[in-house]
Amino acid sequence: MKSKAISAEEFDRLFDEGADVSPYVDRSKARRVHPLIRRVNVDFPYWMIHALDDEAERLGVTRQSVIKTWLAEKIEQRQAKAAAAAQEAPARRRNVAERGTRYRAKKRRR
């Protein structure tokens, strides 16, 4: 089934108003993001489970949701830090080269 074409602004307006937007969605191109799920077992100390349960109750979600969210945030932070460092490294090398400084290998002691 071919979907009707409307502008993104019109789609957003209809969605915000609670209207049925299904005629405007092309499900033939739909896909799941990261469809593969693997089960893992992790052992946590009692105090950590208690803290996770407290946080899950505070947020109104499951313990598993808290763990997944926190792990995803930490992974994203590490990836962003690594990407920033990778972009910064060539600039650092370029600055050193512009100053005329050369790297020399240290002599090994025997």
PDB file of N, CA and C in Angstrom:
ATOM      1  N   MET A   1       0.835  -1.178   0.000  1.00  0.00           N
ATOM      2  CA  MET A   1       0.000   0.000   0.000  1.00  0.00           C
ATOM      3  C   MET A   1       0.879   1.240   0.000  1.00  0.00           C
ATOM      4  N   LYS A   2       0.607   2.143  -0.883  1.00  0.00           N
ATOM      5  CA  LYS A   2       1.393   3.363  -0.982  1.00  0.00           C
ATOM      6  C   LYS A   2       0.837   4.404  -0.011  1.00  0.00           C
ATOM      7  N   SER A   3       1.739   5.075   0.703  1.00  0.00           N
ATOM      8  CA  SER A   3       1.302   6.079   1.665  1.00  0.00           C
ATOM      9  C   SER A   3       1.098   7.424   0.982  1.00  0.00           C
ATOM     10  N   LYS A   4       0.226   8.223   1.589  1.00  0.00           N
ATOM     11  CA  LYS A   4      -0.033   9.559   1.064  1.00  0.00           C
ATOM     12  C   LYS A   4       1.146  10.462   1.438  1.00  0.00           C
ATOM     13  N   ALA A   5       1.446  11.417   0.582  1.00  0.00           N
ATOM     14  CA  ALA A   5       2.567  12.327   0.847  1.00  0.00           C
ATOM     15  C   ALA A   5       2.056  13.621   1.476  1.00  0.00           C
ATOM     16  N   ILE A   6       2.647  13.974   2.616  1.00  0.00           N
ATOM     17  CA  ILE A   6       2.378  15.265   3.255  1.00  0.00           C
ATOM     18  C   ILE A   6       3.700  15.793   3.774  1.00  0.00           C
ATOM     19  N   SER A   7       3.720  17.059   4.141  1.00  0.00           N
ATOM     20  CA  SER A   7       4.957  17.652   4.651  1.00  0.00           C
ATOM     21  C   SER A   7       5.212  17.166   6.077  1.00  0.00           C
ATOM     22  N   ALA A   8       6.456  17.265   6.498  1.00  0.00           N
ATOM     23  CA  ALA A   8       6.831  16.862   7.852  1.00  0.00           C
ATOM     24  C   ALA A   8       6.098  17.707   8.887  1.00  0.00           C
ATOM     25  N   GLU A   9       5.923  18.994   8.599  1.00  0.00           N
ATOM     26  CA  GLU A   9       5.227  19.889   9.525  1.00  0.00           C
ATOM     27  C   GLU A   9       3.769  19.463   9.686  1.00  0.00           C
ATOM     28  N   GLU A  10       3.144  19.099   8.577  1.00  0.00           N
ATOM     29  CA  GLU A  10       1.750  18.651   8.625  1.00  0.00           C
ATOM     30  C   GLU A  10       1.635  17.334   9.383  1.00  0.00           C
ATOM     31  N   PHE A  11       2.575  16.421   9.136  1.00  0.00           N
ATOM     32  CA  PHE A  11       2.596  15.140   9.844  1.00  0.00           C
ATOM     33  C   PHE A  11       2.738  15.383  11.343  1.00  0.00           C
ATOM     34  N   ASP A  12       3.688  16.252  11.737  1.00  0.00           N
ATOM     35  CA  ASP A  12       3.893  16.566  13.153  1.00  0.00           C
ATOM     36  C   ASP A  12       2.646  17.166  13.775  1.00  0.00           C
ATOM     37  N   ARG A  13       2.013  18.064  13.055  1.00  0.00           N
ATOM     38  CA  ARG A  13       0.796  18.716  13.574  1.00  0.00           C
ATOM     39  C   ARG A  13      -0.298  17.676  13.811  1.00  0.00           C
ATOM     40  N   LEU A  14      -0.522  16.805  12.829  1.00  0.00           N
ATOM     41  CA  LEU A  14      -1.548  15.764  12.968  1.00  0.00           C
ATOM     42  C   LEU A  14      -1.223  14.832  14.132  1.00  0.00           C
ATOM     43  N   PHE A  15       0.040  14.438  14.243  1.00  0.00           N
ATOM     44  CA  PHE A  15       0.457  13.554  15.330  1.00  0.00           C
ATOM     45  C   PHE A  15       0.229  14.222  16.684  1.00  0.00           C
ATOM     46  N   ASP A  16       0.635  15.487  16.804  1.00  0.00           N
ATOM     47  CA  ASP A  16       0.473  16.217  18.067  1.00  0.00           C
ATOM     48  C   ASP A  16      -0.995  16.372  18.455  1.00  0.00           C
ATOM     49  N   GLU A  17      -1.863  16.459  17.450  1.00  0.00           N
ATOM     50  CA  GLU A  17      -3.300  16.597  17.712  1.00  0.00           C
ATOM     51  C   GLU A  17      -3.954  15.259  18.024  1.00  0.00           C
ATOM     52  N   GLY A  18      -3.198  14.174  17.891  1.00  0.00           N
ATOM     53  CA  GLY A  18      -3.735  12.853  18.187  1.00  0.00           C
ATOM     54  C   GLY A  18      -4.473  12.216  17.028  1.00  0.00           C
ATOM     55  N   ALA A  19      -4.328  12.776  15.837  1.00  0.00           N
ATOM     56  CA  ALA A  19      -4.999  12.226  14.656  1.00  0.00           C
ATOM     57  C   ALA A  19      -4.319  10.930  14.219  1.00  0.00           C
ATOM     58  N   ASP A  20      -5.021  10.131  13.434  1.00  0.00           N
ATOM     59  CA  ASP A  20      -4.469   8.887  12.896  1.00  0.00           C
ATOM     60  C   ASP A  20      -3.511   9.234  11.759  1.00  0.00           C
ATOM     61  N   VAL A  21      -2.219   8.952  11.956  1.00  0.00           N
ATOM     62  CA  VAL A  21      -1.209   9.265  10.944  1.00  0.00           C
ATOM     63  C   VAL A  21      -0.797   8.034  10.149  1.00  0.00           C
ATOM     64  N   SER A  22      -1.432   6.883  10.425  1.00  0.00           N
ATOM     65  CA  SER A  22      -1.039   5.647   9.754  1.00  0.00           C
ATOM     66  C   SER A  22      -1.156   5.703   8.223  1.00  0.00           C
ATOM     67  N   PRO A  23      -2.115   6.461   7.624  1.00  0.00           N
ATOM     68  CA  PRO A  23      -2.134   6.503   6.160  1.00  0.00           C
ATOM     69  C   PRO A  23      -0.909   7.186   5.554  1.00  0.00           C
ATOM     70  N   TYR A  24      -0.153   7.905   6.372  1.00  0.00           N
ATOM     71  CA  TYR A  24       1.000   8.660   5.883  1.00  0.00           C
ATOM     72  C   TYR A  24       2.324   7.944   6.137  1.00  0.00           C
ATOM     73  N   VAL A  25       2.257   6.732   6.701  1.00  0.00           N
ATOM     74  CA  VAL A  25       3.467   5.984   7.045  1.00  0.00           C
ATOM     75  C   VAL A  25       3.647   4.838   6.069  1.00  0.00           C
ATOM     76  N   ASP A  26       4.835   4.743   5.474  1.00  0.00           N
ATOM     77  CA  ASP A  26       5.164   3.667   4.548  1.00  0.00           C
ATOM     78  C   ASP A  26       5.850   2.554   5.325  1.00  0.00           C
ATOM     79  N   ARG A  27       5.086   1.528   5.694  1.00  0.00           N
ATOM     80  CA  ARG A  27       5.613   0.437   6.517  1.00  0.00           C
ATOM     81  C   ARG A  27       6.506  -0.521   5.730  1.00  0.00           C
ATOM     82  N   SER A  28       6.500  -0.433   4.427  1.00  0.00           N
ATOM     83  CA  SER A  28       7.338  -1.343   3.630  1.00  0.00           C
ATOM     84  C   SER A  28       8.825  -1.049   3.840  1.00  0.00           C
ATOM     85  N   LYS A  29       9.145   0.143   4.307  1.00  0.00           N
ATOM     86  CA  LYS A  29      10.545   0.510   4.539  1.00  0.00           C
ATOM     87  C   LYS A  29      10.918   0.462   6.014  1.00  0.00           C
ATOM     88  N   ALA A  30       9.989   0.002   6.853  1.00  0.00           N
ATOM     89  CA  ALA A  30      10.242  -0.048   8.294  1.00  0.00           C
ATOM     90  C   ALA A  30      11.253  -1.138   8.596  1.00  0.00           C
ATOM     91  N   ARG A  31      12.087  -0.890   9.610  1.00  0.00           N
ATOM     92  CA  ARG A  31      13.058  -1.884  10.050  1.00  0.00           C
ATOM     93  C   ARG A  31      13.327  -1.690  11.524  1.00  0.00           C
ATOM     94  N   ARG A  32      13.797  -2.732  12.128  1.00  0.00           N
ATOM     95  CA  ARG A  32      14.144  -2.659  13.539  1.00  0.00           C
ATOM     96  C   ARG A  32      15.590  -2.226  13.679  1.00  0.00           C
ATOM     97  N   VAL A  33      15.831  -1.406  14.661  1.00  0.00           N
ATOM     98  CA  VAL A  33      17.193  -0.993  14.947  1.00  0.00           C
ATOM     99  C   VAL A  33      17.772  -2.002  15.933  1.00  0.00           C
ATOM    100  N   HIS A  34      18.924  -2.548  15.613  1.00  0.00           N
ATOM    101  CA  HIS A  34      19.592  -3.555  16.444  1.00  0.00           C
ATOM    102  C   HIS A  34      18.638  -4.694  16.823  1.00  0.00           C
ATOM    103  N   PRO A  35      18.174  -5.463  15.848  1.00  0.00           N
ATOM    104  CA  PRO A  35      17.186  -6.497  16.149  1.00  0.00           C
ATOM    105  C   PRO A  35      17.734  -7.685  16.935  1.00  0.00           C
ATOM    106  N   LEU A  36      19.039  -7.888  16.933  1.00  0.00           N
ATOM    107  CA  LEU A  36      19.592  -9.037  17.645  1.00  0.00           C
ATOM    108  C   LEU A  36      19.779  -8.726  19.120  1.00  0.00           C
ATOM    109  N   ILE A  37      19.243  -9.604  19.950  1.00  0.00           N
ATOM    110  CA  ILE A  37      19.363  -9.439  21.394  1.00  0.00           C
ATOM    111  C   ILE A  37      20.006 -10.691  21.937  1.00  0.00           C
ATOM    112  N   ARG A  38      20.986 -10.511  22.802  1.00  0.00           N
ATOM    113  CA  ARG A  38      21.643 -11.647  23.445  1.00  0.00           C
ATOM    114  C   ARG A  38      21.449 -11.533  24.940  1.00  0.00           C
ATOM    115  N   ARG A  39      21.120 -12.624  25.538  1.00  0.00           N
ATOM    116  CA  ARG A  39      20.918 -12.653  26.985  1.00  0.00           C
ATOM    117  C   ARG A  39      22.269 -12.866  27.665  1.00  0.00           C
ATOM    118  N   VAL A  40      22.524 -12.096  28.706  1.00  0.00           N
ATOM    119  CA  VAL A  40      23.741 -12.271  29.498  1.00  0.00           C
ATOM    120  C   VAL A  40      23.354 -12.327  30.970  1.00  0.00           C
ATOM    121  N   ASN A  41      24.162 -12.994  31.726  1.00  0.00           N
ATOM    122  CA  ASN A  41      23.956 -13.051  33.175  1.00  0.00           C
ATOM    123  C   ASN A  41      25.080 -12.276  33.839  1.00  0.00           C
ATOM    124  N   VAL A  42      24.715 -11.414  34.754  1.00  0.00           N
ATOM    125  CA  VAL A  42      25.701 -10.613  35.471  1.00  0.00           C
ATOM    126  C   VAL A  42      25.402 -10.735  36.955  1.00  0.00           C
ATOM    127  N   ASP A  43      26.422 -10.978  37.725  1.00  0.00           N
ATOM    128  CA  ASP A  43      26.261 -11.055  39.173  1.00  0.00           C
ATOM    129  C   ASP A  43      26.584  -9.699  39.782  1.00  0.00           C
ATOM    130  N   PHE A  44      25.671  -9.204  40.609  1.00  0.00           N
ATOM    131  CA  PHE A  44      25.846  -7.923  41.296  1.00  0.00           C
ATOM    132  C   PHE A  44      25.827  -8.158  42.799  1.00  0.00           C
ATOM    133  N   PRO A  45      26.574  -7.366  43.553  1.00  0.00           N
ATOM    134  CA  PRO A  45      26.476  -7.462  45.008  1.00  0.00           C
ATOM    135  C   PRO A  45      25.108  -6.946  45.470  1.00  0.00           C
ATOM    136  N   TYR A  46      24.701  -7.401  46.634  1.00  0.00           N
ATOM    137  CA  TYR A  46      23.381  -7.058  47.161  1.00  0.00           C
ATOM    138  C   TYR A  46      23.152  -5.549  47.201  1.00  0.00           C
ATOM    139  N   TRP A  47      24.153  -4.802  47.677  1.00  0.00           N
ATOM    140  CA  TRP A  47      23.972  -3.359  47.818  1.00  0.00           C
ATOM    141  C   TRP A  47      23.685  -2.703  46.473  1.00  0.00           C
ATOM    142  N   MET A  48      24.296  -3.225  45.401  1.00  0.00           N
ATOM    143  CA  MET A  48      24.104  -2.648  44.076  1.00  0.00           C
ATOM    144  C   MET A  48      22.697  -2.945  43.552  1.00  0.00           C
ATOM    145  N   ILE A  49      22.222  -4.164  43.796  1.00  0.00           N
ATOM    146  CA  ILE A  49      20.861  -4.509  43.382  1.00  0.00           C
ATOM    147  C   ILE A  49      19.862  -3.640  44.129  1.00  0.00           C
ATOM    148  N   HIS A  50      20.099  -3.430  45.407  1.00  0.00           N
ATOM    149  CA  HIS A  50      19.215  -2.587  46.206  1.00  0.00           C
ATOM    150  C   HIS A  50      19.197  -1.150  45.654  1.00  0.00           C
ATOM    151  N   ALA A  51      20.361  -0.624  45.306  1.00  0.00           N
ATOM    152  CA  ALA A  51      20.443   0.729  44.744  1.00  0.00           C
ATOM    153  C   ALA A  51      19.758   0.794  43.379  1.00  0.00           C
ATOM    154  N   LEU A  52      19.935  -0.242  42.554  1.00  0.00           N
ATOM    155  CA  LEU A  52      19.266  -0.287  41.247  1.00  0.00           C
ATOM    156  C   LEU A  52      17.754  -0.333  41.415  1.00  0.00           C
ATOM    157  N   ASP A  53      17.286  -1.132  42.378  1.00  0.00           N
ATOM    158  CA  ASP A  53      15.847  -1.224  42.623  1.00  0.00           C
ATOM    159  C   ASP A  53      15.272   0.101  43.112  1.00  0.00           C
ATOM    160  N   ASP A  54      16.014   0.787  43.964  1.00  0.00           N
ATOM    161  CA  ASP A  54      15.563   2.105  44.433  1.00  0.00           C
ATOM    162  C   ASP A  54      15.439   3.083  43.266  1.00  0.00           C
ATOM    163  N   GLU A  55      16.435   3.079  42.386  1.00  0.00           N
ATOM    164  CA  GLU A  55      16.412   3.981  41.234  1.00  0.00           C
ATOM    165  C   GLU A  55      15.286   3.602  40.273  1.00  0.00           C
ATOM    166  N   ALA A  56      15.087   2.309  40.065  1.00  0.00           N
ATOM    167  CA  ALA A  56      14.014   1.851  39.179  1.00  0.00           C
ATOM    168  C   ALA A  56      12.648   2.264  39.726  1.00  0.00           C
ATOM    169  N   GLU A  57      12.475   2.134  41.024  1.00  0.00           N
ATOM    170  CA  GLU A  57      11.210   2.536  41.638  1.00  0.00           C
ATOM    171  C   GLU A  57      11.006   4.045  41.521  1.00  0.00           C
ATOM    172  N   ARG A  58      12.061   4.796  41.732  1.00  0.00           N
ATOM    173  CA  ARG A  58      11.978   6.260  41.627  1.00  0.00           C
ATOM    174  C   ARG A  58      11.565   6.684  40.224  1.00  0.00           C
ATOM    175  N   LEU A  59      12.107   6.000  39.204  1.00  0.00           N
ATOM    176  CA  LEU A  59      11.819   6.334  37.812  1.00  0.00           C
ATOM    177  C   LEU A  59      10.542   5.678  37.284  1.00  0.00           C
ATOM    178  N   GLY A  60      10.062   4.668  38.004  1.00  0.00           N
ATOM    179  CA  GLY A  60       8.865   3.961  37.560  1.00  0.00           C
ATOM    180  C   GLY A  60       9.133   3.023  36.392  1.00  0.00           C
ATOM    181  N   VAL A  61      10.318   2.431  36.380  1.00  0.00           N
ATOM    182  CA  VAL A  61      10.692   1.482  35.324  1.00  0.00           C
ATOM    183  C   VAL A  61      11.259   0.225  35.976  1.00  0.00           C
ATOM    184  N   THR A  62      11.628  -0.738  35.166  1.00  0.00           N
ATOM    185  CA  THR A  62      12.193  -1.971  35.698  1.00  0.00           C
ATOM    186  C   THR A  62      13.682  -1.813  35.982  1.00  0.00           C
ATOM    187  N   ARG A  63      14.208  -2.720  36.787  1.00  0.00           N
ATOM    188  CA  ARG A  63      15.638  -2.736  37.081  1.00  0.00           C
ATOM    189  C   ARG A  63      16.429  -2.918  35.789  1.00  0.00           C
ATOM    190  N   GLN A  64      15.943  -3.790  34.906  1.00  0.00           N
ATOM    191  CA  GLN A  64      16.619  -4.045  33.644  1.00  0.00           C
ATOM    192  C   GLN A  64      16.703  -2.770  32.806  1.00  0.00           C
ATOM    193  N   SER A  65      15.649  -1.965  32.817  1.00  0.00           N
ATOM    194  CA  SER A  65      15.660  -0.710  32.060  1.00  0.00           C
ATOM    195  C   SER A  65      16.706   0.256  32.592  1.00  0.00           C
ATOM    196  N   VAL A  66      16.832   0.313  33.905  1.00  0.00           N
ATOM    197  CA  VAL A  66      17.846   1.187  34.506  1.00  0.00           C
ATOM    198  C   VAL A  66      19.234   0.730  34.081  1.00  0.00           C
ATOM    199  N   ILE A  67      19.491  -0.569  34.168  1.00  0.00           N
ATOM    200  CA  ILE A  67      20.809  -1.099  33.805  1.00  0.00           C
ATOM    201  C   ILE A  67      21.112  -0.820  32.344  1.00  0.00           C
ATOM    202  N   LYS A  68      20.160  -1.105  31.454  1.00  0.00           N
ATOM    203  CA  LYS A  68      20.380  -0.877  30.019  1.00  0.00           C
ATOM    204  C   LYS A  68      20.618   0.600  29.724  1.00  0.00           C
ATOM    205  N   THR A  69      19.828   1.463  30.338  1.00  0.00           N
ATOM    206  CA  THR A  69      19.967   2.898  30.087  1.00  0.00           C
ATOM    207  C   THR A  69      21.323   3.401  30.554  1.00  0.00           C
ATOM    208  N   TRP A  70      21.717   3.017  31.762  1.00  0.00           N
ATOM    209  CA  TRP A  70      23.001   3.481  32.290  1.00  0.00           C
ATOM    210  C   TRP A  70      24.167   2.945  31.472  1.00  0.00           C
ATOM    211  N   LEU A  71      24.099   1.692  31.066  1.00  0.00           N
ATOM    212  CA  LEU A  71      25.174   1.133  30.246  1.00  0.00           C
ATOM    213  C   LEU A  71      25.243   1.824  28.887  1.00  0.00           C
ATOM    214  N   ALA A  72      24.083   2.076  28.284  1.00  0.00           N
ATOM    215  CA  ALA A  72      24.059   2.755  26.983  1.00  0.00           C
ATOM    216  C   ALA A  72      24.651   4.158  27.098  1.00  0.00           C
ATOM    217  N   GLU A  73      24.302   4.885  28.176  1.00  0.00           N
ATOM    218  CA  GLU A  73      24.851   6.230  28.373  1.00  0.00           C
ATOM    219  C   GLU A  73      26.369   6.179  28.516  1.00  0.00           C
ATOM    220  N   LYS A  74      26.868   5.226  29.276  1.00  0.00           N
ATOM    221  CA  LYS A  74      28.309   5.116  29.499  1.00  0.00           C
ATOM    222  C   LYS A  74      29.034   4.769  28.201  1.00  0.00           C
ATOM    223  N   ILE A  75      28.465   3.847  27.417  1.00  0.00           N
ATOM    224  CA  ILE A  75      29.070   3.479  26.136  1.00  0.00           C
ATOM    225  C   ILE A  75      29.100   4.676  25.197  1.00  0.00           C
ATOM    226  N   GLU A  76      27.994   5.432  25.139  1.00  0.00           N
ATOM    227  CA  GLU A  76      27.944   6.621  24.276  1.00  0.00           C
ATOM    228  C   GLU A  76      28.974   7.661  24.707  1.00  0.00           C
ATOM    229  N   GLN A  77      29.143   7.851  26.014  1.00  0.00           N
ATOM    230  CA  GLN A  77      30.145   8.796  26.516  1.00  0.00           C
ATOM    231  C   GLN A  77      31.544   8.374  26.096  1.00  0.00           C
ATOM    232  N   ARG A  78      31.857   7.083  26.238  1.00  0.00           N
ATOM    233  CA  ARG A  78      33.188   6.586  25.870  1.00  0.00           C
ATOM    234  C   ARG A  78      33.436   6.723  24.378  1.00  0.00           C
ATOM    235  N   GLN A  79      32.407   6.429  23.565  1.00  0.00           N
ATOM    236  CA  GLN A  79      32.561   6.545  22.115  1.00  0.00           C
ATOM    237  C   GLN A  79      32.748   7.997  21.711  1.00  0.00           C
ATOM    238  N   ALA A  80      32.003   8.914  22.337  1.00  0.00           N
ATOM    239  CA  ALA A  80      32.155  10.329  22.024  1.00  0.00           C
ATOM    240  C   ALA A  80      33.545  10.825  22.425  1.00  0.00           C
ATOM    241  N   LYS A  81      34.030  10.367  23.573  1.00  0.00           N
ATOM    242  CA  LYS A  81      35.372  10.760  24.029  1.00  0.00           C
ATOM    243  C   LYS A  81      36.444  10.234  23.077  1.00  0.00           C
ATOM    244  N   ALA A  82      36.282   8.989  22.623  1.00  0.00           N
ATOM    245  CA  ALA A  82      37.249   8.398  21.688  1.00  0.00           C
ATOM    246  C   ALA A  82      37.221   9.120  20.347  1.00  0.00           C
ATOM    247  N   ALA A  83      36.019   9.487  19.886  1.00  0.00           N
ATOM    248  CA  ALA A  83      35.904  10.199  18.608  1.00  0.00           C
ATOM    249  C   ALA A  83      36.546  11.582  18.706  1.00  0.00           C
ATOM    250  N   ALA A  84      36.333  12.263  19.832  1.00  0.00           N
ATOM    251  CA  ALA A  84      36.933  13.583  20.022  1.00  0.00           C
ATOM    252  C   ALA A  84      38.456  13.476  20.069  1.00  0.00           C
ATOM    253  N   ALA A  85      38.962  12.453  20.735  1.00  0.00           N
ATOM    254  CA  ALA A  85      40.411  12.263  20.817  1.00  0.00           C
ATOM    255  C   ALA A  85      40.988  11.949  19.442  1.00  0.00           C
ATOM    256  N   ALA A  86      40.261  11.179  18.653  1.00  0.00           N
ATOM    257  CA  ALA A  86      40.736  10.840  17.304  1.00  0.00           C
ATOM    258  C   ALA A  86      40.779  12.076  16.410  1.00  0.00           C
ATOM    259  N   GLN A  87      39.826  12.971  16.581  1.00  0.00           N
ATOM    260  CA  GLN A  87      39.829  14.204  15.787  1.00  0.00           C
ATOM    261  C   GLN A  87      40.914  15.157  16.260  1.00  0.00           C
ATOM    262  N   GLU A  88      41.205  15.133  17.542  1.00  0.00           N
ATOM    263  CA  GLU A  88      42.193  16.040  18.115  1.00  0.00           C
ATOM    264  C   GLU A  88      43.618  15.601  17.809  1.00  0.00           C
ATOM    265  N   ALA A  89      43.858  14.310  17.695  1.00  0.00           N
ATOM    266  CA  ALA A  89      45.208  13.785  17.496  1.00  0.00           C
ATOM    267  C   ALA A  89      45.891  14.337  16.252  1.00  0.00           C
ATOM    268  N   PRO A  90      45.261  14.347  15.063  1.00  0.00           N
ATOM    269  CA  PRO A  90      45.944  14.915  13.894  1.00  0.00           C
ATOM    270  C   PRO A  90      46.259  16.399  14.064  1.00  0.00           C
ATOM    271  N   ALA A  91      45.387  17.134  14.743  1.00  0.00           N
ATOM    272  CA  ALA A  91      45.631  18.561  14.970  1.00  0.00           C
ATOM    273  C   ALA A  91      46.835  18.741  15.875  1.00  0.00           C
ATOM    274  N   ARG A  92      46.992  17.881  16.865  1.00  0.00           N
ATOM    275  CA  ARG A  92      48.127  17.964  17.767  1.00  0.00           C
ATOM    276  C   ARG A  92      49.421  17.689  17.012  1.00  0.00           C
ATOM    277  N   ARG A  93      49.402  16.669  16.149  1.00  0.00           N
ATOM    278  CA  ARG A  93      50.595  16.360  15.358  1.00  0.00           C
ATOM    279  C   ARG A  93      50.927  17.508  14.420  1.00  0.00           C
ATOM    280  N   ARG A  94      49.904  18.116  13.850  1.00  0.00           N
ATOM    281  CA  ARG A  94      50.113  19.227  12.922  1.00  0.00           C
ATOM    282  C   ARG A  94      50.736  20.406  13.660  1.00  0.00           C
ATOM    283  N   ASN A  95      50.276  20.704  14.875  1.00  0.00           N
ATOM    284  CA  ASN A  95      50.820  21.820  15.640  1.00  0.00           C
ATOM    285  C   ASN A  95      52.291  21.608  15.964  1.00  0.00           C
ATOM    286  N   VAL A  96      52.647  20.398  16.303  1.00  0.00           N
ATOM    287  CA  VAL A  96      54.041  20.097  16.612  1.00  0.00           C
ATOM    288  C   VAL A  96      54.884  20.268  15.356  1.00  0.00           C
ATOM    289  N   ALA A  97      54.398  19.793  14.221  1.00  0.00           N
ATOM    290  CA  ALA A  97      55.142  19.906  12.965  1.00  0.00           C
ATOM    291  C   ALA A  97      55.305  21.362  12.559  1.00  0.00           C
ATOM    292  N   GLU A  98      54.299  22.190  12.834  1.00  0.00           N
ATOM    293  CA  GLU A  98      54.373  23.608  12.474  1.00  0.00           C
ATOM    294  C   GLU A  98      55.448  24.326  13.287  1.00  0.00           C
ATOM    295  N   ARG A  99      55.692  23.869  14.508  1.00  0.00           N
ATOM    296  CA  ARG A  99      56.709  24.507  15.337  1.00  0.00           C
ATOM    297  C   ARG A  99      58.109  24.056  14.964  1.00  0.00           C
ATOM    298  N   GLY A 100      58.196  23.075  14.094  1.00  0.00           N
ATOM    299  CA  GLY A 100      59.510  22.592  13.681  1.00  0.00           C
ATOM    300  C   GLY A 100      60.112  21.591  14.636  1.00  0.00           C
ATOM    301  N   THR A 101      59.332  21.121  15.571  1.00  0.00           N
ATOM    302  CA  THR A 101      59.830  20.141  16.524  1.00  0.00           C
ATOM    303  C   THR A 101      59.737  18.762  15.914  1.00  0.00           C
ATOM    304  N   ARG A 102      60.759  17.981  16.139  1.00  0.00           N
ATOM    305  CA  ARG A 102      60.742  16.619  15.637  1.00  0.00           C
ATOM    306  C   ARG A 102      60.738  15.661  16.812  1.00  0.00           C
ATOM    307  N   TYR A 103      60.041  14.561  16.600  1.00  0.00           N
ATOM    308  CA  TYR A 103      60.050  13.524  17.624  1.00  0.00           C
ATOM    309  C   TYR A 103      61.285  12.676  17.424  1.00  0.00           C
ATOM    310  N   ARG A 104      61.947  12.353  18.542  1.00  0.00           N
ATOM    311  CA  ARG A 104      63.087  11.457  18.465  1.00  0.00           C
ATOM    312  C   ARG A 104      62.829  10.300  19.417  1.00  0.00           C
ATOM    313  N   ALA A 105      63.171   9.147  18.938  1.00  0.00           N
ATOM    314  CA  ALA A 105      63.045   7.970  19.789  1.00  0.00           C
ATOM    315  C   ALA A 105      64.094   8.045  20.884  1.00  0.00           C
ATOM    316  N   LYS A 106      63.715   7.684  22.089  1.00  0.00           N
ATOM    317  CA  LYS A 106      64.675   7.679  23.180  1.00  0.00           C
ATOM    318  C   LYS A 106      65.636   6.522  22.994  1.00  0.00           C
ATOM    319  N   LYS A 107      66.877   6.753  23.377  1.00  0.00           N
ATOM    320  CA  LYS A 107      67.874   5.701  23.291  1.00  0.00           C
ATOM    321  C   LYS A 107      67.618   4.700  24.405  1.00  0.00           C
ATOM    322  N   ARG A 108      67.752   3.450  24.042  1.00  0.00           N
ATOM    323  CA  ARG A 108      67.546   2.397  25.023  1.00  0.00           C
ATOM    324  C   ARG A 108      68.784   2.200  25.855  1.00  0.00           C
ATOM    325  N   ARG A 109      68.588   2.001  27.110  1.00  0.00           N
ATOM    326  CA  ARG A 109      69.701   1.657  28.002  1.00  0.00           C
ATOM    327  C   ARG A 109      69.955   0.172  27.900  1.00  0.00           C
ATOM    328  N   ARG A 110      71.211  -0.171  27.923  1.00  0.00           N
ATOM    329  CA  ARG A 110      71.556  -1.597  27.848  1.00  0.00           C
ATOM    330  C   ARG A 110      72.048  -2.084  29.146  1.00  0.00           C
TER     331      ARG A 110
END
